[in-house]
């Protein structure tokens, strides 16, 4: 779906859901607004304005030049291990942990201590990543991984270029079990696509409203605001006093933005501030089968202080018209 079509679809779905609801439970007679923030795609955020009820979806764009990505190359032993390690088509997935570190996962590794047929295994290591003069320098480990009954220690150091077709050269040091020395090998590849993931800042700034919250799948952030989960389950019982203390600001985290290579072991993540309180609105539990997750809505109310006002909201569903979405009631707290 093209961007304009995605935005139009989001507005149409939202328009059908935005309405006034009378709640007379507990003897209260009040009017709260029902709304839906579409969150159907991993590569998009839906922005929502409490004041006007306006909503718009923007895509998460991929920009080349990052260290994160999925690489395919050769792993060749060095020194006394030159004849022991000679692997083709080894996949290495690099995912962002924070601004200056990554997780490096080497897959399809095969090494036999006895000379027999070896099964493929995977090793991971946390590494520092520093960009200088158009080249990423990585250094990290050792990190332990249990493969079957064998404990491996794994560390790396090396460089990755930022331009397409530039070189990837990683020195890998693998120590299996009680082996007194490391197996040394060099991983070589080329950059075919490595990306950072961000919403276009100009498009976000050009939104025709002042957004208060943004929703991505099951993640929520505020526009420089703060929020708190309450123990109250009656939205009409929320008062301004509930927002006087214990409010949590957004914190840097990550959301899954690119699932196109998930079956190959790589997921692209966007580094973005998320609100730890609002992100409690739904709990996704893996099932190990189909459907892959079950979802439980948090019935507690929340307060949000953003753009100079305090709002109350309570979530009621995680879908709308067959699409993933945050469905909630809200109102201003006077």
C-alpha atoms as a PDB file:
ATOM      1  CA  UNK A   1       0.000   0.000   0.000  1.00  0.00           C
ATOM      2  CA  UNK A   2       1.363   3.423  -0.929  1.00  0.00           C
ATOM      3  CA  UNK A   3       1.925   6.030   1.740  1.00  0.00           C
ATOM      4  CA  UNK A   4      -1.056   8.224   0.773  1.00  0.00           C
ATOM      5  CA  UNK A   5      -3.305   5.164   0.620  1.00  0.00           C
ATOM      6  CA  UNK A   6      -2.060   4.039   4.055  1.00  0.00           C
ATOM      7  CA  UNK A   7      -2.793   7.456   5.552  1.00  0.00           C
ATOM      8  CA  UNK A   8      -6.253   7.568   3.948  1.00  0.00           C
ATOM      9  CA  UNK A   9      -7.067   4.088   5.222  1.00  0.00           C
ATOM     10  CA  UNK A  10      -5.969   5.028   8.729  1.00  0.00           C
ATOM     11  CA  UNK A  11      -8.124   8.161   8.688  1.00  0.00           C
ATOM     12  CA  UNK A  12     -11.146   6.227   7.405  1.00  0.00           C
ATOM     13  CA  UNK A  13     -10.809   3.568  10.089  1.00  0.00           C
ATOM     14  CA  UNK A  14     -10.294   6.195  12.738  1.00  0.00           C
ATOM     15  CA  UNK A  15     -13.269   8.225  11.516  1.00  0.00           C
ATOM     16  CA  UNK A  16     -15.550   5.235  11.963  1.00  0.00           C
ATOM     17  CA  UNK A  17     -14.342   4.682  15.510  1.00  0.00           C
ATOM     18  CA  UNK A  18     -14.318   8.243  16.856  1.00  0.00           C
ATOM     19  CA  UNK A  19     -17.556   8.751  18.797  1.00  0.00           C
ATOM     20  CA  UNK A  20     -19.031   9.813  22.128  1.00  0.00           C
ATOM     21  CA  UNK A  21     -19.925   7.074  24.610  1.00  0.00           C
ATOM     22  CA  UNK A  22     -22.195   7.450  27.599  1.00  0.00           C
ATOM     23  CA  UNK A  23     -20.987   5.539  30.652  1.00  0.00           C
ATOM     24  CA  UNK A  24     -23.493   5.145  33.444  1.00  0.00           C
ATOM     25  CA  UNK A  25     -21.730   2.462  35.479  1.00  0.00           C
ATOM     26  CA  UNK A  26     -21.589   3.031  39.223  1.00  0.00           C
ATOM     27  CA  UNK A  27     -24.173   5.790  38.990  1.00  0.00           C
ATOM     28  CA  UNK A  28     -21.838   8.125  37.071  1.00  0.00           C
ATOM     29  CA  UNK A  29     -23.204   9.889  34.013  1.00  0.00           C
ATOM     30  CA  UNK A  30     -20.325  11.120  31.844  1.00  0.00           C
ATOM     31  CA  UNK A  31     -19.207  11.343  28.260  1.00  0.00           C
ATOM     32  CA  UNK A  32     -15.897   9.820  27.212  1.00  0.00           C
ATOM     33  CA  UNK A  33     -14.581   9.616  23.678  1.00  0.00           C
ATOM     34  CA  UNK A  34     -13.921   6.307  21.966  1.00  0.00           C
ATOM     35  CA  UNK A  35     -11.028   6.268  19.514  1.00  0.00           C
ATOM     36  CA  UNK A  36      -8.826   3.913  17.521  1.00  0.00           C
ATOM     37  CA  UNK A  37      -5.140   4.335  16.721  1.00  0.00           C
ATOM     38  CA  UNK A  38      -4.272   1.983  13.862  1.00  0.00           C
ATOM     39  CA  UNK A  39      -1.153  -0.139  14.453  1.00  0.00           C
ATOM     40  CA  UNK A  40      -1.352  -2.790  11.760  1.00  0.00           C
ATOM     41  CA  UNK A  41       2.165  -2.575  10.292  1.00  0.00           C
ATOM     42  CA  UNK A  42       5.604  -2.872  11.865  1.00  0.00           C
ATOM     43  CA  UNK A  43       6.978  -0.169   9.569  1.00  0.00           C
ATOM     44  CA  UNK A  44       4.629   2.648  10.617  1.00  0.00           C
ATOM     45  CA  UNK A  45       3.549   4.874  13.531  1.00  0.00           C
ATOM     46  CA  UNK A  46       0.051   6.308  14.008  1.00  0.00           C
ATOM     47  CA  UNK A  47      -0.001   9.769  15.604  1.00  0.00           C
ATOM     48  CA  UNK A  48      -3.017  10.859  17.649  1.00  0.00           C
ATOM     49  CA  UNK A  49      -4.231  14.242  18.923  1.00  0.00           C
ATOM     50  CA  UNK A  50      -6.443  14.101  22.031  1.00  0.00           C
ATOM     51  CA  UNK A  51      -7.731  17.646  21.540  1.00  0.00           C
ATOM     52  CA  UNK A  52      -9.204  17.237  18.047  1.00  0.00           C
ATOM     53  CA  UNK A  53      -9.318  13.461  17.658  1.00  0.00           C
ATOM     54  CA  UNK A  54      -7.159  13.739  14.539  1.00  0.00           C
ATOM     55  CA  UNK A  55      -4.978  10.777  13.579  1.00  0.00           C
ATOM     56  CA  UNK A  56      -2.424  10.098  10.861  1.00  0.00           C
ATOM     57  CA  UNK A  57      -0.054   7.258  10.003  1.00  0.00           C
ATOM     58  CA  UNK A  58       3.554   7.815   8.877  1.00  0.00           C
ATOM     59  CA  UNK A  59       5.939   5.136   7.585  1.00  0.00           C
ATOM     60  CA  UNK A  60       9.269   4.198   9.168  1.00  0.00           C
ATOM     61  CA  UNK A  61      11.868   4.758   6.442  1.00  0.00           C
ATOM     62  CA  UNK A  62      15.046   2.761   5.792  1.00  0.00           C
ATOM     63  CA  UNK A  63      18.268   4.717   5.318  1.00  0.00           C
ATOM     64  CA  UNK A  64      21.473   3.066   4.122  1.00  0.00           C
ATOM     65  CA  UNK A  65      24.804   3.410   5.920  1.00  0.00           C
ATOM     66  CA  UNK A  66      24.168   1.681   9.233  1.00  0.00           C
ATOM     67  CA  UNK A  67      26.167  -1.123  10.758  1.00  0.00           C
ATOM     68  CA  UNK A  68      22.999  -3.133  11.354  1.00  0.00           C
ATOM     69  CA  UNK A  69      21.985  -5.591   8.681  1.00  0.00           C
ATOM     70  CA  UNK A  70      22.154  -9.166   7.410  1.00  0.00           C
ATOM     71  CA  UNK A  71      25.434 -10.260   5.842  1.00  0.00           C
ATOM     72  CA  UNK A  72      26.451 -13.430   3.968  1.00  0.00           C
ATOM     73  CA  UNK A  73      30.127 -14.315   3.611  1.00  0.00           C
ATOM     74  CA  UNK A  74      32.964 -16.755   4.251  1.00  0.00           C
ATOM     75  CA  UNK A  75      34.596 -17.786   7.515  1.00  0.00           C
ATOM     76  CA  UNK A  76      38.179 -18.995   7.088  1.00  0.00           C
ATOM     77  CA  UNK A  77      40.525 -20.173   9.771  1.00  0.00           C
ATOM     78  CA  UNK A  78      43.841 -18.421  10.311  1.00  0.00           C
ATOM     79  CA  UNK A  79      47.228 -19.706  11.464  1.00  0.00           C
ATOM     80  CA  UNK A  80      47.113 -23.304  12.668  1.00  0.00           C
ATOM     81  CA  UNK A  81      43.328 -23.384  12.061  1.00  0.00           C
ATOM     82  CA  UNK A  82      43.537 -22.527   8.346  1.00  0.00           C
ATOM     83  CA  UNK A  83      42.616 -26.100   7.311  1.00  0.00           C
ATOM     84  CA  UNK A  84      40.096 -26.668  10.091  1.00  0.00           C
ATOM     85  CA  UNK A  85      37.685 -23.806   9.310  1.00  0.00           C
ATOM     86  CA  UNK A  86      36.589 -23.063   5.738  1.00  0.00           C
ATOM     87  CA  UNK A  87      32.885 -22.193   5.625  1.00  0.00           C
ATOM     88  CA  UNK A  88      30.915 -20.592   2.803  1.00  0.00           C
ATOM     89  CA  UNK A  89      27.567 -18.759   2.995  1.00  0.00           C
ATOM     90  CA  UNK A  90      27.827 -17.973   6.697  1.00  0.00           C
ATOM     91  CA  UNK A  91      25.060 -15.551   7.759  1.00  0.00           C
ATOM     92  CA  UNK A  92      25.829 -12.789  10.253  1.00  0.00           C
ATOM     93  CA  UNK A  93      22.960 -10.681  11.620  1.00  0.00           C
ATOM     94  CA  UNK A  94      23.803  -7.404  13.348  1.00  0.00           C
ATOM     95  CA  UNK A  95      21.055  -5.719  15.349  1.00  0.00           C
ATOM     96  CA  UNK A  96      21.218  -2.486  17.302  1.00  0.00           C
ATOM     97  CA  UNK A  97      21.256  -2.648  21.100  1.00  0.00           C
ATOM     98  CA  UNK A  98      21.718   1.070  21.776  1.00  0.00           C
ATOM     99  CA  UNK A  99      23.422   4.099  20.251  1.00  0.00           C
ATOM    100  CA  UNK A 100      26.947   2.655  20.468  1.00  0.00           C
ATOM    101  CA  UNK A 101      26.568  -1.117  20.734  1.00  0.00           C
ATOM    102  CA  UNK A 102      25.221  -3.991  18.651  1.00  0.00           C
ATOM    103  CA  UNK A 103      24.493  -7.693  18.912  1.00  0.00           C
ATOM    104  CA  UNK A 104      26.440  -9.771  16.382  1.00  0.00           C
ATOM    105  CA  UNK A 105      24.958 -13.214  15.655  1.00  0.00           C
ATOM    106  CA  UNK A 106      26.945 -15.661  13.510  1.00  0.00           C
ATOM    107  CA  UNK A 107      24.819 -18.495  12.099  1.00  0.00           C
ATOM    108  CA  UNK A 108      25.472 -21.644  10.065  1.00  0.00           C
ATOM    109  CA  UNK A 109      28.742 -22.399  11.903  1.00  0.00           C
ATOM    110  CA  UNK A 110      30.104 -25.934  11.593  1.00  0.00           C
ATOM    111  CA  UNK A 111      33.142 -27.178  13.503  1.00  0.00           C
ATOM    112  CA  UNK A 112      33.946 -30.767  14.416  1.00  0.00           C
ATOM    113  CA  UNK A 113      36.463 -31.524  17.126  1.00  0.00           C
ATOM    114  CA  UNK A 114      36.484 -35.253  16.172  1.00  0.00           C
ATOM    115  CA  UNK A 115      36.511 -34.967  12.399  1.00  0.00           C
ATOM    116  CA  UNK A 116      32.961 -36.337  12.050  1.00  0.00           C
ATOM    117  CA  UNK A 117      29.897 -34.656  10.549  1.00  0.00           C
ATOM    118  CA  UNK A 118      29.177 -31.413  12.379  1.00  0.00           C
ATOM    119  CA  UNK A 119      25.790 -29.799  12.944  1.00  0.00           C
ATOM    120  CA  UNK A 120      25.310 -26.092  12.300  1.00  0.00           C
ATOM    121  CA  UNK A 121      25.140 -23.847  15.353  1.00  0.00           C
ATOM    122  CA  UNK A 122      24.865 -20.153  16.233  1.00  0.00           C
ATOM    123  CA  UNK A 123      27.001 -17.836  18.369  1.00  0.00           C
ATOM    124  CA  UNK A 124      26.213 -14.287  19.534  1.00  0.00           C
ATOM    125  CA  UNK A 125      28.257 -11.528  21.112  1.00  0.00           C
ATOM    126  CA  UNK A 126      27.587  -7.970  22.274  1.00  0.00           C
ATOM    127  CA  UNK A 127      30.008  -5.501  20.658  1.00  0.00           C
ATOM    128  CA  UNK A 128      30.784  -1.794  20.775  1.00  0.00           C
ATOM    129  CA  UNK A 129      30.236  -0.058  17.417  1.00  0.00           C
ATOM    130  CA  UNK A 130      32.027   3.181  16.562  1.00  0.00           C
ATOM    131  CA  UNK A 131      31.685   5.101  13.270  1.00  0.00           C
ATOM    132  CA  UNK A 132      34.788   6.957  12.075  1.00  0.00           C
ATOM    133  CA  UNK A 133      35.758   8.158   8.579  1.00  0.00           C
ATOM    134  CA  UNK A 134      33.026   6.148   6.882  1.00  0.00           C
ATOM    135  CA  UNK A 135      33.881   2.847   8.598  1.00  0.00           C
ATOM    136  CA  UNK A 136      32.326   1.053  11.551  1.00  0.00           C
ATOM    137  CA  UNK A 137      34.732  -0.489  14.052  1.00  0.00           C
ATOM    138  CA  UNK A 138      33.378  -3.362  16.154  1.00  0.00           C
ATOM    139  CA  UNK A 139      34.881  -4.899  19.258  1.00  0.00           C
ATOM    140  CA  UNK A 140      33.233  -7.149  21.808  1.00  0.00           C
ATOM    141  CA  UNK A 141      33.239 -10.264  23.952  1.00  0.00           C
ATOM    142  CA  UNK A 142      33.950 -12.827  25.068  1.00  0.00           C
ATOM    143  CA  UNK A 143      30.358 -13.972  25.457  1.00  0.00           C
ATOM    144  CA  UNK A 144      29.364 -17.514  26.433  1.00  0.00           C
ATOM    145  CA  UNK A 145      26.786 -19.594  24.551  1.00  0.00           C
ATOM    146  CA  UNK A 146      25.699 -23.128  25.394  1.00  0.00           C
ATOM    147  CA  UNK A 147      25.271 -25.254  22.247  1.00  0.00           C
ATOM    148  CA  UNK A 148      23.988 -28.689  23.185  1.00  0.00           C
ATOM    149  CA  UNK A 149      26.367 -29.782  25.919  1.00  0.00           C
ATOM    150  CA  UNK A 150      29.240 -27.603  24.693  1.00  0.00           C
ATOM    151  CA  UNK A 151      29.916 -24.146  26.128  1.00  0.00           C
ATOM    152  CA  UNK A 152      31.442 -21.772  23.575  1.00  0.00           C
ATOM    153  CA  UNK A 153      33.158 -18.449  24.213  1.00  0.00           C
ATOM    154  CA  UNK A 154      32.955 -15.989  21.327  1.00  0.00           C
ATOM    155  CA  UNK A 155      34.559 -12.594  20.735  1.00  0.00           C
ATOM    156  CA  UNK A 156      35.057 -10.421  17.666  1.00  0.00           C
ATOM    157  CA  UNK A 157      36.847  -7.345  16.380  1.00  0.00           C
ATOM    158  CA  UNK A 158      36.914  -5.793  12.938  1.00  0.00           C
ATOM    159  CA  UNK A 159      35.460  -3.274  10.517  1.00  0.00           C
ATOM    160  CA  UNK A 160      32.398  -2.770   8.313  1.00  0.00           C
ATOM    161  CA  UNK A 161      32.112  -0.083   5.634  1.00  0.00           C
ATOM    162  CA  UNK A 162      29.041   2.121   5.263  1.00  0.00           C
ATOM    163  CA  UNK A 163      28.785   2.282   1.469  1.00  0.00           C
ATOM    164  CA  UNK A 164      27.121  -0.443  -0.571  1.00  0.00           C
ATOM    165  CA  UNK A 165      29.618  -3.100  -1.749  1.00  0.00           C
ATOM    166  CA  UNK A 166      32.200  -1.992   0.826  1.00  0.00           C
ATOM    167  CA  UNK A 167      34.106  -4.623   2.789  1.00  0.00           C
ATOM    168  CA  UNK A 168      33.199  -6.504   5.943  1.00  0.00           C
ATOM    169  CA  UNK A 169      36.242  -7.919   7.770  1.00  0.00           C
ATOM    170  CA  UNK A 170      35.666  -9.430  11.214  1.00  0.00           C
ATOM    171  CA  UNK A 171      38.246 -11.356  13.206  1.00  0.00           C
ATOM    172  CA  UNK A 172      36.424 -14.101  15.115  1.00  0.00           C
ATOM    173  CA  UNK A 173      37.771 -15.919  18.170  1.00  0.00           C
ATOM    174  CA  UNK A 174      35.917 -19.075  19.192  1.00  0.00           C
ATOM    175  CA  UNK A 175      36.831 -21.178  22.232  1.00  0.00           C
ATOM    176  CA  UNK A 176      34.865 -24.443  22.540  1.00  0.00           C
ATOM    177  CA  UNK A 177      34.464 -26.037  25.967  1.00  0.00           C
ATOM    178  CA  UNK A 178      37.682 -26.603  27.877  1.00  0.00           C
ATOM    179  CA  UNK A 179      39.875 -26.098  24.826  1.00  0.00           C
ATOM    180  CA  UNK A 180      42.921 -24.151  26.122  1.00  0.00           C
ATOM    181  CA  UNK A 181      43.142 -21.875  23.085  1.00  0.00           C
ATOM    182  CA  UNK A 182      40.831 -19.944  20.767  1.00  0.00           C
ATOM    183  CA  UNK A 183      40.043 -20.976  17.214  1.00  0.00           C
ATOM    184  CA  UNK A 184      40.880 -17.930  15.101  1.00  0.00           C
ATOM    185  CA  UNK A 185      39.074 -17.152  11.854  1.00  0.00           C
ATOM    186  CA  UNK A 186      38.302 -14.214   9.579  1.00  0.00           C
ATOM    187  CA  UNK A 187      34.785 -13.462   8.387  1.00  0.00           C
ATOM    188  CA  UNK A 188      34.680 -11.687   5.003  1.00  0.00           C
ATOM    189  CA  UNK A 189      31.659 -10.243   3.228  1.00  0.00           C
ATOM    190  CA  UNK A 190      30.407  -7.149   1.436  1.00  0.00           C
ATOM    191  CA  UNK A 191      27.747  -4.628   2.398  1.00  0.00           C
ATOM    192  CA  UNK A 192      24.605  -5.245   0.340  1.00  0.00           C
ATOM    193  CA  UNK A 193      22.100  -3.429   2.543  1.00  0.00           C
ATOM    194  CA  UNK A 194      22.480  -2.058   6.049  1.00  0.00           C
ATOM    195  CA  UNK A 195      19.956   0.414   7.373  1.00  0.00           C
ATOM    196  CA  UNK A 196      18.852   2.756  10.082  1.00  0.00           C
ATOM    197  CA  UNK A 197      15.103   3.061  10.648  1.00  0.00           C
ATOM    198  CA  UNK A 198      13.423   6.405  11.333  1.00  0.00           C
ATOM    199  CA  UNK A 199      10.226   8.302  10.644  1.00  0.00           C
ATOM    200  CA  UNK A 200      10.999  11.261   8.383  1.00  0.00           C
ATOM    201  CA  UNK A 201      11.482  14.208  10.753  1.00  0.00           C
ATOM    202  CA  UNK A 202      10.104  16.716   8.233  1.00  0.00           C
ATOM    203  CA  UNK A 203       6.933  14.644   7.731  1.00  0.00           C
ATOM    204  CA  UNK A 204       6.463  14.370  11.489  1.00  0.00           C
ATOM    205  CA  UNK A 205       6.934  18.126  11.909  1.00  0.00           C
ATOM    206  CA  UNK A 206       4.436  18.765   9.093  1.00  0.00           C
ATOM    207  CA  UNK A 207       1.575  16.846  10.727  1.00  0.00           C
ATOM    208  CA  UNK A 208      -1.549  19.058  10.571  1.00  0.00           C
ATOM    209  CA  UNK A 209      -2.088  18.757  14.330  1.00  0.00           C
ATOM    210  CA  UNK A 210      -0.088  18.723  17.558  1.00  0.00           C
ATOM    211  CA  UNK A 211       0.152  15.034  18.326  1.00  0.00           C
ATOM    212  CA  UNK A 212      -0.024  13.727  21.896  1.00  0.00           C
ATOM    213  CA  UNK A 213       0.691   9.994  21.594  1.00  0.00           C
ATOM    214  CA  UNK A 214       1.935   7.722  18.812  1.00  0.00           C
ATOM    215  CA  UNK A 215       1.205   3.995  18.507  1.00  0.00           C
ATOM    216  CA  UNK A 216       3.352   1.296  16.870  1.00  0.00           C
ATOM    217  CA  UNK A 217       1.924  -2.222  17.036  1.00  0.00           C
ATOM    218  CA  UNK A 218       1.862  -2.604  20.854  1.00  0.00           C
ATOM    219  CA  UNK A 219       4.295   0.236  21.678  1.00  0.00           C
ATOM    220  CA  UNK A 220       3.272   3.769  22.649  1.00  0.00           C
ATOM    221  CA  UNK A 221       5.240   7.000  23.050  1.00  0.00           C
ATOM    222  CA  UNK A 222       4.278  10.545  23.983  1.00  0.00           C
ATOM    223  CA  UNK A 223       5.192  13.884  22.435  1.00  0.00           C
ATOM    224  CA  UNK A 224       7.613  14.871  25.194  1.00  0.00           C
ATOM    225  CA  UNK A 225       5.071  14.032  27.897  1.00  0.00           C
ATOM    226  CA  UNK A 226       4.735  11.601  30.785  1.00  0.00           C
ATOM    227  CA  UNK A 227       2.246   8.953  31.868  1.00  0.00           C
ATOM    228  CA  UNK A 228       1.247   6.655  34.702  1.00  0.00           C
ATOM    229  CA  UNK A 229      -0.749   3.479  35.065  1.00  0.00           C
ATOM    230  CA  UNK A 230      -3.376   3.683  37.815  1.00  0.00           C
ATOM    231  CA  UNK A 231      -4.981   0.976  39.891  1.00  0.00           C
ATOM    232  CA  UNK A 232      -8.393   2.472  39.040  1.00  0.00           C
ATOM    233  CA  UNK A 233     -10.586   0.715  36.495  1.00  0.00           C
ATOM    234  CA  UNK A 234     -13.335   3.379  36.433  1.00  0.00           C
ATOM    235  CA  UNK A 235     -12.366   6.110  33.962  1.00  0.00           C
ATOM    236  CA  UNK A 236     -14.780   8.575  35.586  1.00  0.00           C
ATOM    237  CA  UNK A 237     -12.952   8.195  38.903  1.00  0.00           C
ATOM    238  CA  UNK A 238      -9.677   9.588  37.493  1.00  0.00           C
ATOM    239  CA  UNK A 239      -8.827  13.057  38.837  1.00  0.00           C
ATOM    240  CA  UNK A 240      -6.047  15.608  38.403  1.00  0.00           C
ATOM    241  CA  UNK A 241      -4.517  14.400  41.663  1.00  0.00           C
ATOM    242  CA  UNK A 242      -3.646  11.114  39.957  1.00  0.00           C
ATOM    243  CA  UNK A 243      -1.139  12.955  37.764  1.00  0.00           C
ATOM    244  CA  UNK A 244       0.611  14.870  40.548  1.00  0.00           C
ATOM    245  CA  UNK A 245       3.325  12.288  41.212  1.00  0.00           C
ATOM    246  CA  UNK A 246       4.871   9.102  39.882  1.00  0.00           C
ATOM    247  CA  UNK A 247       4.623  10.102  36.227  1.00  0.00           C
ATOM    248  CA  UNK A 248       7.086   8.372  33.891  1.00  0.00           C
ATOM    249  CA  UNK A 249       8.726  10.108  30.937  1.00  0.00           C
ATOM    250  CA  UNK A 250       9.585   8.304  27.709  1.00  0.00           C
ATOM    251  CA  UNK A 251      12.796   6.273  27.689  1.00  0.00           C
ATOM    252  CA  UNK A 252      14.976   5.139  24.790  1.00  0.00           C
ATOM    253  CA  UNK A 253      14.058   1.705  23.522  1.00  0.00           C
ATOM    254  CA  UNK A 254      13.522  -0.088  20.234  1.00  0.00           C
ATOM    255  CA  UNK A 255      10.667  -1.355  18.085  1.00  0.00           C
ATOM    256  CA  UNK A 256      10.702  -3.943  15.294  1.00  0.00           C
ATOM    257  CA  UNK A 257      10.538  -1.978  12.048  1.00  0.00           C
ATOM    258  CA  UNK A 258      11.682  -4.376   9.309  1.00  0.00           C
ATOM    259  CA  UNK A 259      10.506  -8.003   9.316  1.00  0.00           C
ATOM    260  CA  UNK A 260      11.415  -8.797   5.685  1.00  0.00           C
ATOM    261  CA  UNK A 261      14.420 -10.947   6.681  1.00  0.00           C
ATOM    262  CA  UNK A 262      12.969 -12.414   9.877  1.00  0.00           C
ATOM    263  CA  UNK A 263      13.131 -15.990   8.522  1.00  0.00           C
ATOM    264  CA  UNK A 264      16.845 -15.446   7.862  1.00  0.00           C
ATOM    265  CA  UNK A 265      17.500 -14.435  11.461  1.00  0.00           C
ATOM    266  CA  UNK A 266      17.528 -10.638  11.080  1.00  0.00           C
ATOM    267  CA  UNK A 267      15.029  -8.053  12.306  1.00  0.00           C
ATOM    268  CA  UNK A 268      15.549  -4.329  11.715  1.00  0.00           C
ATOM    269  CA  UNK A 269      14.901  -2.178  14.799  1.00  0.00           C
ATOM    270  CA  UNK A 270      14.104   1.511  15.150  1.00  0.00           C
ATOM    271  CA  UNK A 271      15.732   3.202  18.123  1.00  0.00           C
ATOM    272  CA  UNK A 272      13.060   5.472  19.614  1.00  0.00           C
ATOM    273  CA  UNK A 273      11.784   6.829  22.936  1.00  0.00           C
ATOM    274  CA  UNK A 274       8.893   4.770  24.371  1.00  0.00           C
ATOM    275  CA  UNK A 275       6.694   5.329  27.383  1.00  0.00           C
ATOM    276  CA  UNK A 276       7.162   2.450  29.851  1.00  0.00           C
ATOM    277  CA  UNK A 277       3.748   3.007  31.457  1.00  0.00           C
ATOM    278  CA  UNK A 278       1.569   3.312  28.356  1.00  0.00           C
ATOM    279  CA  UNK A 279       3.309   0.335  26.776  1.00  0.00           C
ATOM    280  CA  UNK A 280       1.644  -1.811  29.457  1.00  0.00           C
ATOM    281  CA  UNK A 281      -1.731  -1.430  27.715  1.00  0.00           C
ATOM    282  CA  UNK A 282      -1.610  -4.957  26.248  1.00  0.00           C
ATOM    283  CA  UNK A 283       0.359  -8.112  27.028  1.00  0.00           C
ATOM    284  CA  UNK A 284       1.295 -10.401  24.131  1.00  0.00           C
ATOM    285  CA  UNK A 285       2.038 -14.000  25.143  1.00  0.00           C
ATOM    286  CA  UNK A 286       3.663 -16.438  22.657  1.00  0.00           C
ATOM    287  CA  UNK A 287       1.663 -19.631  22.087  1.00  0.00           C
ATOM    288  CA  UNK A 288       4.275 -21.687  20.240  1.00  0.00           C
ATOM    289  CA  UNK A 289       1.691 -22.467  17.559  1.00  0.00           C
ATOM    290  CA  UNK A 290      -0.972 -20.661  15.540  1.00  0.00           C
ATOM    291  CA  UNK A 291      -2.038 -18.025  16.255  1.00  0.00           C
ATOM    292  CA  UNK A 292       1.476 -17.063  17.440  1.00  0.00           C
ATOM    293  CA  UNK A 293       0.273 -14.793  20.278  1.00  0.00           C
ATOM    294  CA  UNK A 294      -2.609 -14.342  22.650  1.00  0.00           C
ATOM    295  CA  UNK A 295      -3.381 -10.837  23.886  1.00  0.00           C
ATOM    296  CA  UNK A 296      -4.626  -9.562  27.217  1.00  0.00           C
ATOM    297  CA  UNK A 297      -5.840  -5.994  27.590  1.00  0.00           C
ATOM    298  CA  UNK A 298      -4.869  -4.066  30.713  1.00  0.00           C
ATOM    299  CA  UNK A 299      -8.155  -2.801  32.204  1.00  0.00           C
ATOM    300  CA  UNK A 300      -6.470  -0.205  34.410  1.00  0.00           C
ATOM    301  CA  UNK A 301      -6.791   3.478  33.600  1.00  0.00           C
ATOM    302  CA  UNK A 302      -3.868   5.697  32.617  1.00  0.00           C
ATOM    303  CA  UNK A 303      -3.143   9.411  32.960  1.00  0.00           C
ATOM    304  CA  UNK A 304      -1.050  11.310  30.415  1.00  0.00           C
ATOM    305  CA  UNK A 305       0.429  14.781  30.879  1.00  0.00           C
ATOM    306  CA  UNK A 306       1.334  16.146  27.451  1.00  0.00           C
ATOM    307  CA  UNK A 307       1.299  19.499  25.651  1.00  0.00           C
ATOM    308  CA  UNK A 308       0.178  21.305  28.802  1.00  0.00           C
ATOM    309  CA  UNK A 309      -2.881  19.187  29.549  1.00  0.00           C
ATOM    310  CA  UNK A 310      -3.746  16.054  31.535  1.00  0.00           C
ATOM    311  CA  UNK A 311      -5.705  13.290  29.844  1.00  0.00           C
ATOM    312  CA  UNK A 312      -7.199  10.047  31.120  1.00  0.00           C
ATOM    313  CA  UNK A 313      -7.538   6.949  28.978  1.00  0.00           C
ATOM    314  CA  UNK A 314      -8.524   3.317  29.225  1.00  0.00           C
ATOM    315  CA  UNK A 315      -7.909   0.659  26.562  1.00  0.00           C
ATOM    316  CA  UNK A 316     -10.629  -1.784  25.544  1.00  0.00           C
ATOM    317  CA  UNK A 317      -9.322  -3.781  22.559  1.00  0.00           C
ATOM    318  CA  UNK A 318      -6.249  -4.529  20.490  1.00  0.00           C
ATOM    319  CA  UNK A 319      -8.003  -4.674  17.136  1.00  0.00           C
ATOM    320  CA  UNK A 320     -10.611  -2.885  15.085  1.00  0.00           C
ATOM    321  CA  UNK A 321     -12.302  -4.093  11.891  1.00  0.00           C
ATOM    322  CA  UNK A 322      -9.815  -6.952  11.635  1.00  0.00           C
ATOM    323  CA  UNK A 323      -6.720  -4.769  11.959  1.00  0.00           C
ATOM    324  CA  UNK A 324      -4.292  -4.425  14.841  1.00  0.00           C
ATOM    325  CA  UNK A 325      -5.114  -1.240  16.713  1.00  0.00           C
ATOM    326  CA  UNK A 326      -5.265   0.394  20.108  1.00  0.00           C
ATOM    327  CA  UNK A 327      -8.936   0.994  20.907  1.00  0.00           C
ATOM    328  CA  UNK A 328      -9.492   3.260  23.907  1.00  0.00           C
ATOM    329  CA  UNK A 329     -11.760   5.726  25.678  1.00  0.00           C
ATOM    330  CA  UNK A 330     -10.310   9.030  26.834  1.00  0.00           C
ATOM    331  CA  UNK A 331     -11.126  12.470  28.126  1.00  0.00           C
ATOM    332  CA  UNK A 332      -9.467  15.586  29.490  1.00  0.00           C
ATOM    333  CA  UNK A 333      -8.893  15.779  33.253  1.00  0.00           C
ATOM    334  CA  UNK A 334      -9.888  19.236  34.439  1.00  0.00           C
END
